[in-house]
Each structure stands twice: as C-alpha cells, then as structure tokens.
Amino acid sequence: MTGTRSGTTRPARDERTQAVVDALLRDGRALPLSEIARRLDLAKSTTHRTLAAMVAAGDVGREGRLYRLLEGEPGRANQRLTARRADARRALSAPVGRLFTRTQLTVSAAVLNGRLVDYAYRIHGRDELWTGSDQTGQGPVLGSAAGCALLAWDPPAALRVAERHGLHPGERAQLRRELADVRRARVAVHADPQSHALCFAMPVFDAQARPWAALVVRGRRGRVDVSGVVHLLRSAARSAGSAISATG
C-alpha cells in the first residue's frame, strides 16, 4: 500500500492490477467499470486508468461496457490466445453448424483460457436456455463439461488449473478421479441445477493428440436424446480433429 497526503492509504499500482484480476475472477464473468470500481472501492477515473493499461497489455478484454479477463500469461501469451480463438472459430464453425442442424440444440466451440473456458463460437438452439457464458462468452473450467473435456487429456493443464485454484490434496485427488471418468466415458457431461441445462463436451485433438479445442452441445434436461447427442458429438469431434491435423 502507498500513503497519500491525507494519511490514508490506497492500493499501489501493482496491487490495483491484482485487485482487478481478483474481481474479474471472483464469479467468472465480465463486469462494467462501475461495478469493478465499487468492488475495489476506487474512483472510476482510477479504475479506468488501471483497466486501460491492462487492456493495452493484453491482460483484459473490453466488449462494449464490459471488461473480461484474458486469463493466462500477459502480453504475447494473450495474443496467442486471441489467435487460437480466431483459429477455433474458423476451423470449427462448420462442425458447430452441422451439429446444430442435426440436434437443434445450442452448440459451441471452446478453448482453454487459464482458469476459464472461452466459447469462441456458438449457435443458440431452440431450448431457450441462458447461462452466464451466453452473456460473457466465458465460463469456469472446473465444474463445466467443456473444462473437463479440455483437461482430461491434458495433465499439465489440469495441474496448472489446480494450482491456480489453490486446490488442496483432497480436491486435487477428486479432480483426477473426475477427469479419469471423463477419459473412460470419452465424453464430459455436466448438469446445471440452476438453468436445468445438460451439457456434453468432447475434445478436438490436433496432430499431436493434444486437446486443441472442444465441441459442446447444450440442451434442457429431460428433453435431450442423450445417446443420439453423444454419438453425433463424437463423430463431429473426430472429423474436426482429422481436418485440423491434415491442415496443421
């Protein structure tokens, strides 16, 4: 903390940056400047300067009035993430479209972004289900089908996520068991009790058999042909992976 002439204290610049990161990570959604300033107990002008610097550094993204964390290492790493999102949109827009045509459900292409999952491309189905990721384009890694699909075949990424979340040994063991279950089933499934959504996710592997992205299908619980969706999702992920490997 640094002192002011009045004898009070205010966060130093590095502390303000970390406070912004903490605020944006707290519930995994984008926030307006006024809400970030309120949470940090700072003037809007000070918060705006801090956010502007973080946007310029590639650590925070701005979409209209909302700011969202570009999770991962600053600068060049976030430029690579931006490029990967664009690559995912280009490579997976056709598979997403075909899945939507076959299922009429909400279908997304997702990439890993540190503690978060970025939904790079999405077509909304007719289920009229809306979650936080529909507004921000992001969602948590842990507790999501997309996150589990991306981590299950990538142990180093799973370890990094566990470290960033500060999971204790028991929680890490539970995460390993959950990811092992996903590998055995070859599909990640997550039910959201609040939105009544049922999500299915499969990784799209690159030429080195690494999870490059994930395809995600979401529908309303009780109204989804589970076996049919899983069959179509596996087929789409396999075809997309073959196409990516061939062009990579």
Protein backbone atom coordinates (compact mmCIF):
# COMPACT_ATOMS: atom_id res chain seq x y z
CA MET A 1 0.00 0.00 0.00
CA THR A 2 1.16 3.60 -0.59
CA GLY A 3 0.32 6.58 1.55
CA THR A 4 -1.49 9.76 0.50
CA ARG A 5 -1.00 13.30 1.81
CA SER A 6 -4.07 12.95 3.96
CA GLY A 7 -2.53 10.00 5.76
CA THR A 8 -4.93 7.46 4.28
CA THR A 9 -3.78 4.53 2.16
CA ARG A 10 -4.66 3.47 -1.32
CA PRO A 11 -3.66 0.40 -3.34
CA ALA A 12 -0.37 0.68 -5.21
CA ARG A 13 -0.47 0.22 -8.98
CA ASP A 14 0.52 -3.47 -8.91
CA GLU A 15 -1.97 -4.09 -6.10
CA ARG A 16 -4.74 -2.41 -8.11
CA THR A 17 -3.95 -4.62 -11.09
CA GLN A 18 -4.14 -7.74 -8.93
CA ALA A 19 -7.36 -6.47 -7.35
CA VAL A 20 -8.92 -6.11 -10.81
CA VAL A 21 -7.84 -9.67 -11.67
CA ASP A 22 -9.39 -10.94 -8.43
CA ALA A 23 -12.64 -9.06 -9.08
CA LEU A 24 -12.99 -10.48 -12.60
CA LEU A 25 -12.10 -13.99 -11.46
CA ARG A 26 -14.44 -13.99 -8.47
CA ASP A 27 -17.54 -15.07 -10.37
CA GLY A 28 -16.04 -15.74 -13.80
CA ARG A 29 -18.00 -13.12 -15.74
CA ALA A 30 -17.38 -9.79 -17.42
CA LEU A 31 -18.09 -6.66 -15.37
CA PRO A 32 -18.74 -2.97 -16.15
CA LEU A 33 -16.29 -0.33 -14.95
CA SER A 34 -18.71 0.94 -12.28
CA GLU A 35 -19.01 -2.50 -10.68
CA ILE A 36 -15.24 -3.04 -10.69
CA ALA A 37 -14.72 0.39 -9.11
CA ARG A 38 -17.33 -0.41 -6.45
CA ARG A 39 -15.71 -3.73 -5.58
CA LEU A 40 -12.27 -2.14 -5.35
CA ASP A 41 -13.53 0.96 -3.52
CA LEU A 42 -11.72 3.17 -6.02
CA ALA A 43 -12.68 6.23 -8.04
CA LYS A 44 -13.99 5.42 -11.52
CA SER A 45 -11.20 7.50 -13.07
CA THR A 46 -8.53 5.48 -11.25
CA THR A 47 -10.23 2.21 -12.17
CA HIS A 48 -10.50 3.35 -15.80
CA ARG A 49 -6.75 4.10 -15.97
CA THR A 50 -5.94 0.71 -14.47
CA LEU A 51 -8.25 -1.11 -16.89
CA ALA A 52 -6.94 0.86 -19.88
CA ALA A 53 -3.38 -0.21 -19.02
CA MET A 54 -4.47 -3.83 -18.64
CA VAL A 55 -6.31 -3.75 -21.97
CA ALA A 56 -3.22 -2.31 -23.67
CA ALA A 57 -1.09 -5.07 -22.12
CA GLY A 58 -3.46 -7.75 -23.39
CA ASP A 59 -4.49 -8.89 -19.90
CA VAL A 60 -8.10 -7.65 -20.06
CA GLY A 61 -10.51 -7.55 -22.98
CA ARG A 62 -13.23 -4.93 -23.47
CA GLU A 63 -16.55 -5.64 -25.15
CA GLY A 64 -18.75 -2.54 -25.12
CA ARG A 65 -19.13 -1.52 -21.46
CA LEU A 66 -17.95 -4.87 -20.12
CA TYR A 67 -14.41 -5.91 -19.18
CA ARG A 68 -13.34 -9.53 -19.04
CA LEU A 69 -10.12 -11.19 -18.00
CA LEU A 70 -7.97 -12.70 -20.73
CA GLU A 71 -6.74 -15.41 -18.40
CA GLY A 72 -3.22 -16.70 -18.86
CA GLU A 73 0.19 -15.04 -19.03
CA PRO A 74 0.24 -11.36 -20.03
CA GLY A 75 1.16 -9.85 -23.37
CA ARG A 76 2.27 -12.31 -26.02
CA ALA A 77 0.54 -15.28 -24.39
CA ASN A 78 -2.78 -13.47 -24.61
CA GLN A 79 -2.05 -12.58 -28.23
CA ARG A 80 -1.60 -16.30 -28.85
CA LEU A 81 -4.89 -16.97 -27.06
CA THR A 82 -6.66 -14.40 -29.25
CA ALA A 83 -5.21 -16.10 -32.32
CA ARG A 84 -6.32 -19.52 -31.05
CA ARG A 85 -9.88 -18.27 -30.52
CA ALA A 86 -9.89 -16.95 -34.09
CA ASP A 87 -8.48 -20.26 -35.35
CA ALA A 88 -11.17 -22.16 -33.44
CA ARG A 89 -13.91 -20.01 -34.99
CA ARG A 90 -12.54 -20.62 -38.47
CA ALA A 91 -11.87 -24.34 -38.07
CA LEU A 92 -14.94 -25.29 -36.04
CA SER A 93 -17.70 -23.05 -37.35
CA ALA A 94 -18.70 -25.69 -39.92
CA PRO A 95 -18.75 -28.61 -37.42
CA VAL A 96 -20.71 -26.43 -34.99
CA GLY A 97 -23.20 -25.60 -37.74
CA ARG A 98 -23.63 -29.23 -38.72
CA LEU A 99 -24.17 -30.27 -35.09
CA PHE A 100 -26.76 -27.54 -34.69
CA THR A 101 -28.55 -28.67 -37.84
CA ARG A 102 -28.67 -32.25 -36.60
CA THR A 103 -29.65 -31.53 -32.98
CA GLN A 104 -31.32 -28.07 -32.97
CA LEU A 105 -29.55 -27.59 -29.63
CA THR A 106 -27.06 -24.92 -28.56
CA VAL A 107 -23.61 -25.84 -29.92
CA SER A 108 -20.28 -24.18 -29.10
CA ALA A 109 -16.58 -24.35 -29.85
CA ALA A 110 -14.48 -23.79 -26.72
CA VAL A 111 -10.80 -23.20 -25.92
CA LEU A 112 -8.94 -23.25 -22.62
CA ASN A 113 -8.04 -19.88 -21.11
CA GLY A 114 -6.31 -20.43 -17.78
CA ARG A 115 -8.98 -20.74 -15.10
CA LEU A 116 -11.65 -20.06 -17.70
CA VAL A 117 -13.12 -21.54 -20.83
CA ASP A 118 -13.62 -19.19 -23.78
CA TYR A 119 -16.55 -20.02 -26.03
CA ALA A 120 -15.06 -18.86 -29.31
CA TYR A 121 -18.12 -19.64 -31.44
CA ARG A 122 -21.71 -20.52 -30.52
CA ILE A 123 -25.03 -21.11 -32.26
CA HIS A 124 -28.06 -20.91 -29.97
CA GLY A 125 -30.64 -23.65 -30.17
CA ARG A 126 -34.34 -23.54 -29.55
CA ASP A 127 -34.14 -24.67 -25.92
CA GLU A 128 -34.33 -21.06 -24.62
CA LEU A 129 -31.67 -21.83 -22.02
CA TRP A 130 -29.38 -18.99 -20.99
CA THR A 131 -26.37 -19.16 -18.70
CA GLY A 132 -23.65 -16.72 -17.68
CA SER A 133 -21.44 -17.79 -20.58
CA ASP A 134 -24.09 -16.62 -23.06
CA GLN A 135 -23.55 -13.06 -21.86
CA THR A 136 -19.78 -13.05 -21.39
CA GLY A 137 -18.55 -15.75 -23.76
CA GLN A 138 -16.66 -17.29 -20.86
CA GLY A 139 -17.25 -19.83 -18.11
CA PRO A 140 -15.32 -21.62 -15.37
CA VAL A 141 -13.03 -24.54 -16.20
CA LEU A 142 -13.88 -26.51 -13.08
CA GLY A 143 -17.43 -27.78 -12.94
CA SER A 144 -18.08 -27.42 -16.67
CA ALA A 145 -18.31 -30.04 -19.39
CA ALA A 146 -16.05 -28.02 -21.71
CA GLY A 147 -13.42 -27.59 -18.99
CA CYS A 148 -13.40 -31.28 -18.13
CA ALA A 149 -13.12 -32.26 -21.79
CA LEU A 150 -10.15 -29.93 -22.29
CA LEU A 151 -8.36 -31.01 -19.10
CA ALA A 152 -8.98 -34.77 -19.12
CA TRP A 153 -6.42 -35.44 -21.88
CA ASP A 154 -4.01 -32.65 -20.84
CA PRO A 155 -2.48 -33.44 -17.40
CA PRO A 156 -0.11 -30.41 -17.39
CA ALA A 157 -3.07 -28.07 -17.98
CA ALA A 158 -5.05 -29.85 -15.25
CA LEU A 159 -2.15 -29.37 -12.84
CA ARG A 160 -1.90 -25.66 -13.69
CA VAL A 161 -5.63 -25.19 -13.10
CA ALA A 162 -5.40 -26.99 -9.75
CA GLU A 163 -2.51 -24.75 -8.72
CA ARG A 164 -4.25 -21.56 -9.83
CA HIS A 165 -7.37 -22.50 -7.86
CA GLY A 166 -5.30 -23.43 -4.82
CA LEU A 167 -6.88 -26.89 -4.56
CA HIS A 168 -5.80 -28.87 -1.51
CA PRO A 169 -4.61 -32.50 -1.92
CA GLY A 170 -8.07 -33.97 -1.38
CA GLU A 171 -9.61 -31.69 -4.01
CA ARG A 172 -6.82 -32.49 -6.46
CA ALA A 173 -7.40 -36.21 -5.97
CA GLN A 174 -11.12 -35.69 -6.61
CA LEU A 175 -10.34 -33.73 -9.79
CA ARG A 176 -8.07 -36.53 -11.02
CA ARG A 177 -10.85 -39.07 -10.45
CA GLU A 178 -13.38 -36.92 -12.30
CA LEU A 179 -11.04 -36.47 -15.27
CA ALA A 180 -10.29 -40.20 -15.33
CA ASP A 181 -14.05 -40.85 -15.51
CA VAL A 182 -14.28 -38.48 -18.48
CA ARG A 183 -11.47 -40.31 -20.29
CA ARG A 184 -13.15 -43.67 -19.71
CA ALA A 185 -16.51 -42.38 -20.95
CA ARG A 186 -14.82 -40.37 -23.72
CA VAL A 187 -17.32 -37.59 -23.14
CA ALA A 188 -17.75 -34.94 -20.43
CA VAL A 189 -21.26 -34.34 -19.09
CA HIS A 190 -22.41 -31.61 -16.71
CA ALA A 191 -25.88 -30.85 -15.37
CA ASP A 192 -26.58 -27.29 -14.19
CA PRO A 193 -29.20 -27.39 -11.42
CA GLN A 194 -30.00 -23.67 -11.76
CA SER A 195 -30.60 -23.42 -15.51
CA HIS A 196 -31.72 -27.06 -15.96
CA ALA A 197 -29.13 -27.33 -18.73
CA LEU A 198 -27.40 -30.57 -19.65
CA CYS A 199 -24.05 -30.10 -21.38
CA PHE A 200 -21.94 -32.58 -23.33
CA ALA A 201 -18.37 -31.90 -24.47
CA MET A 202 -15.74 -33.71 -26.49
CA PRO A 203 -12.17 -32.58 -27.20
CA VAL A 204 -10.95 -31.93 -30.71
CA PHE A 205 -7.41 -33.29 -30.93
CA ASP A 206 -4.59 -31.87 -33.03
CA ALA A 207 -1.96 -33.84 -34.93
CA GLN A 208 -0.01 -34.43 -31.69
CA ALA A 209 -3.12 -35.89 -29.99
CA ARG A 210 -3.45 -32.82 -27.75
CA PRO A 211 -6.87 -31.30 -26.96
CA TRP A 212 -6.81 -28.24 -29.22
CA ALA A 213 -10.41 -27.20 -28.55
CA ALA A 214 -13.74 -28.74 -27.54
CA LEU A 215 -17.16 -29.08 -29.12
CA VAL A 216 -20.03 -28.55 -26.68
CA VAL A 217 -23.73 -29.33 -27.01
CA ARG A 218 -26.26 -27.98 -24.52
CA GLY A 219 -29.93 -28.82 -24.07
CA ARG A 220 -32.65 -28.92 -21.47
CA ARG A 221 -32.57 -31.86 -19.08
CA GLY A 222 -35.25 -34.42 -19.82
CA ARG A 223 -35.62 -33.25 -23.43
CA VAL A 224 -32.31 -34.44 -24.85
CA ASP A 225 -31.69 -37.70 -26.67
CA VAL A 226 -28.51 -38.42 -24.72
CA SER A 227 -27.21 -41.35 -26.76
CA GLY A 228 -28.01 -39.58 -30.03
CA VAL A 229 -26.26 -36.38 -28.98
CA VAL A 230 -23.18 -38.22 -27.72
CA HIS A 231 -22.94 -40.19 -30.99
CA LEU A 232 -23.18 -37.05 -33.11
CA LEU A 233 -20.76 -35.15 -30.87
CA ARG A 234 -18.11 -37.88 -31.01
CA SER A 235 -18.40 -38.11 -34.77
CA ALA A 236 -18.13 -34.32 -35.19
CA ALA A 237 -15.12 -34.06 -32.85
CA ARG A 238 -13.34 -36.91 -34.63
CA SER A 239 -13.96 -35.40 -38.08
CA ALA A 240 -12.90 -31.91 -36.93
CA GLY A 241 -9.70 -33.32 -35.41
CA SER A 242 -8.85 -35.15 -38.63
CA ALA A 243 -9.37 -31.96 -40.64
CA ILE A 244 -7.23 -29.89 -38.24
CA SER A 245 -4.44 -32.49 -38.27
CA ALA A 246 -4.48 -32.58 -42.07
CA THR A 247 -4.15 -28.80 -42.38
CA GLY A 248 -1.76 -28.39 -39.42
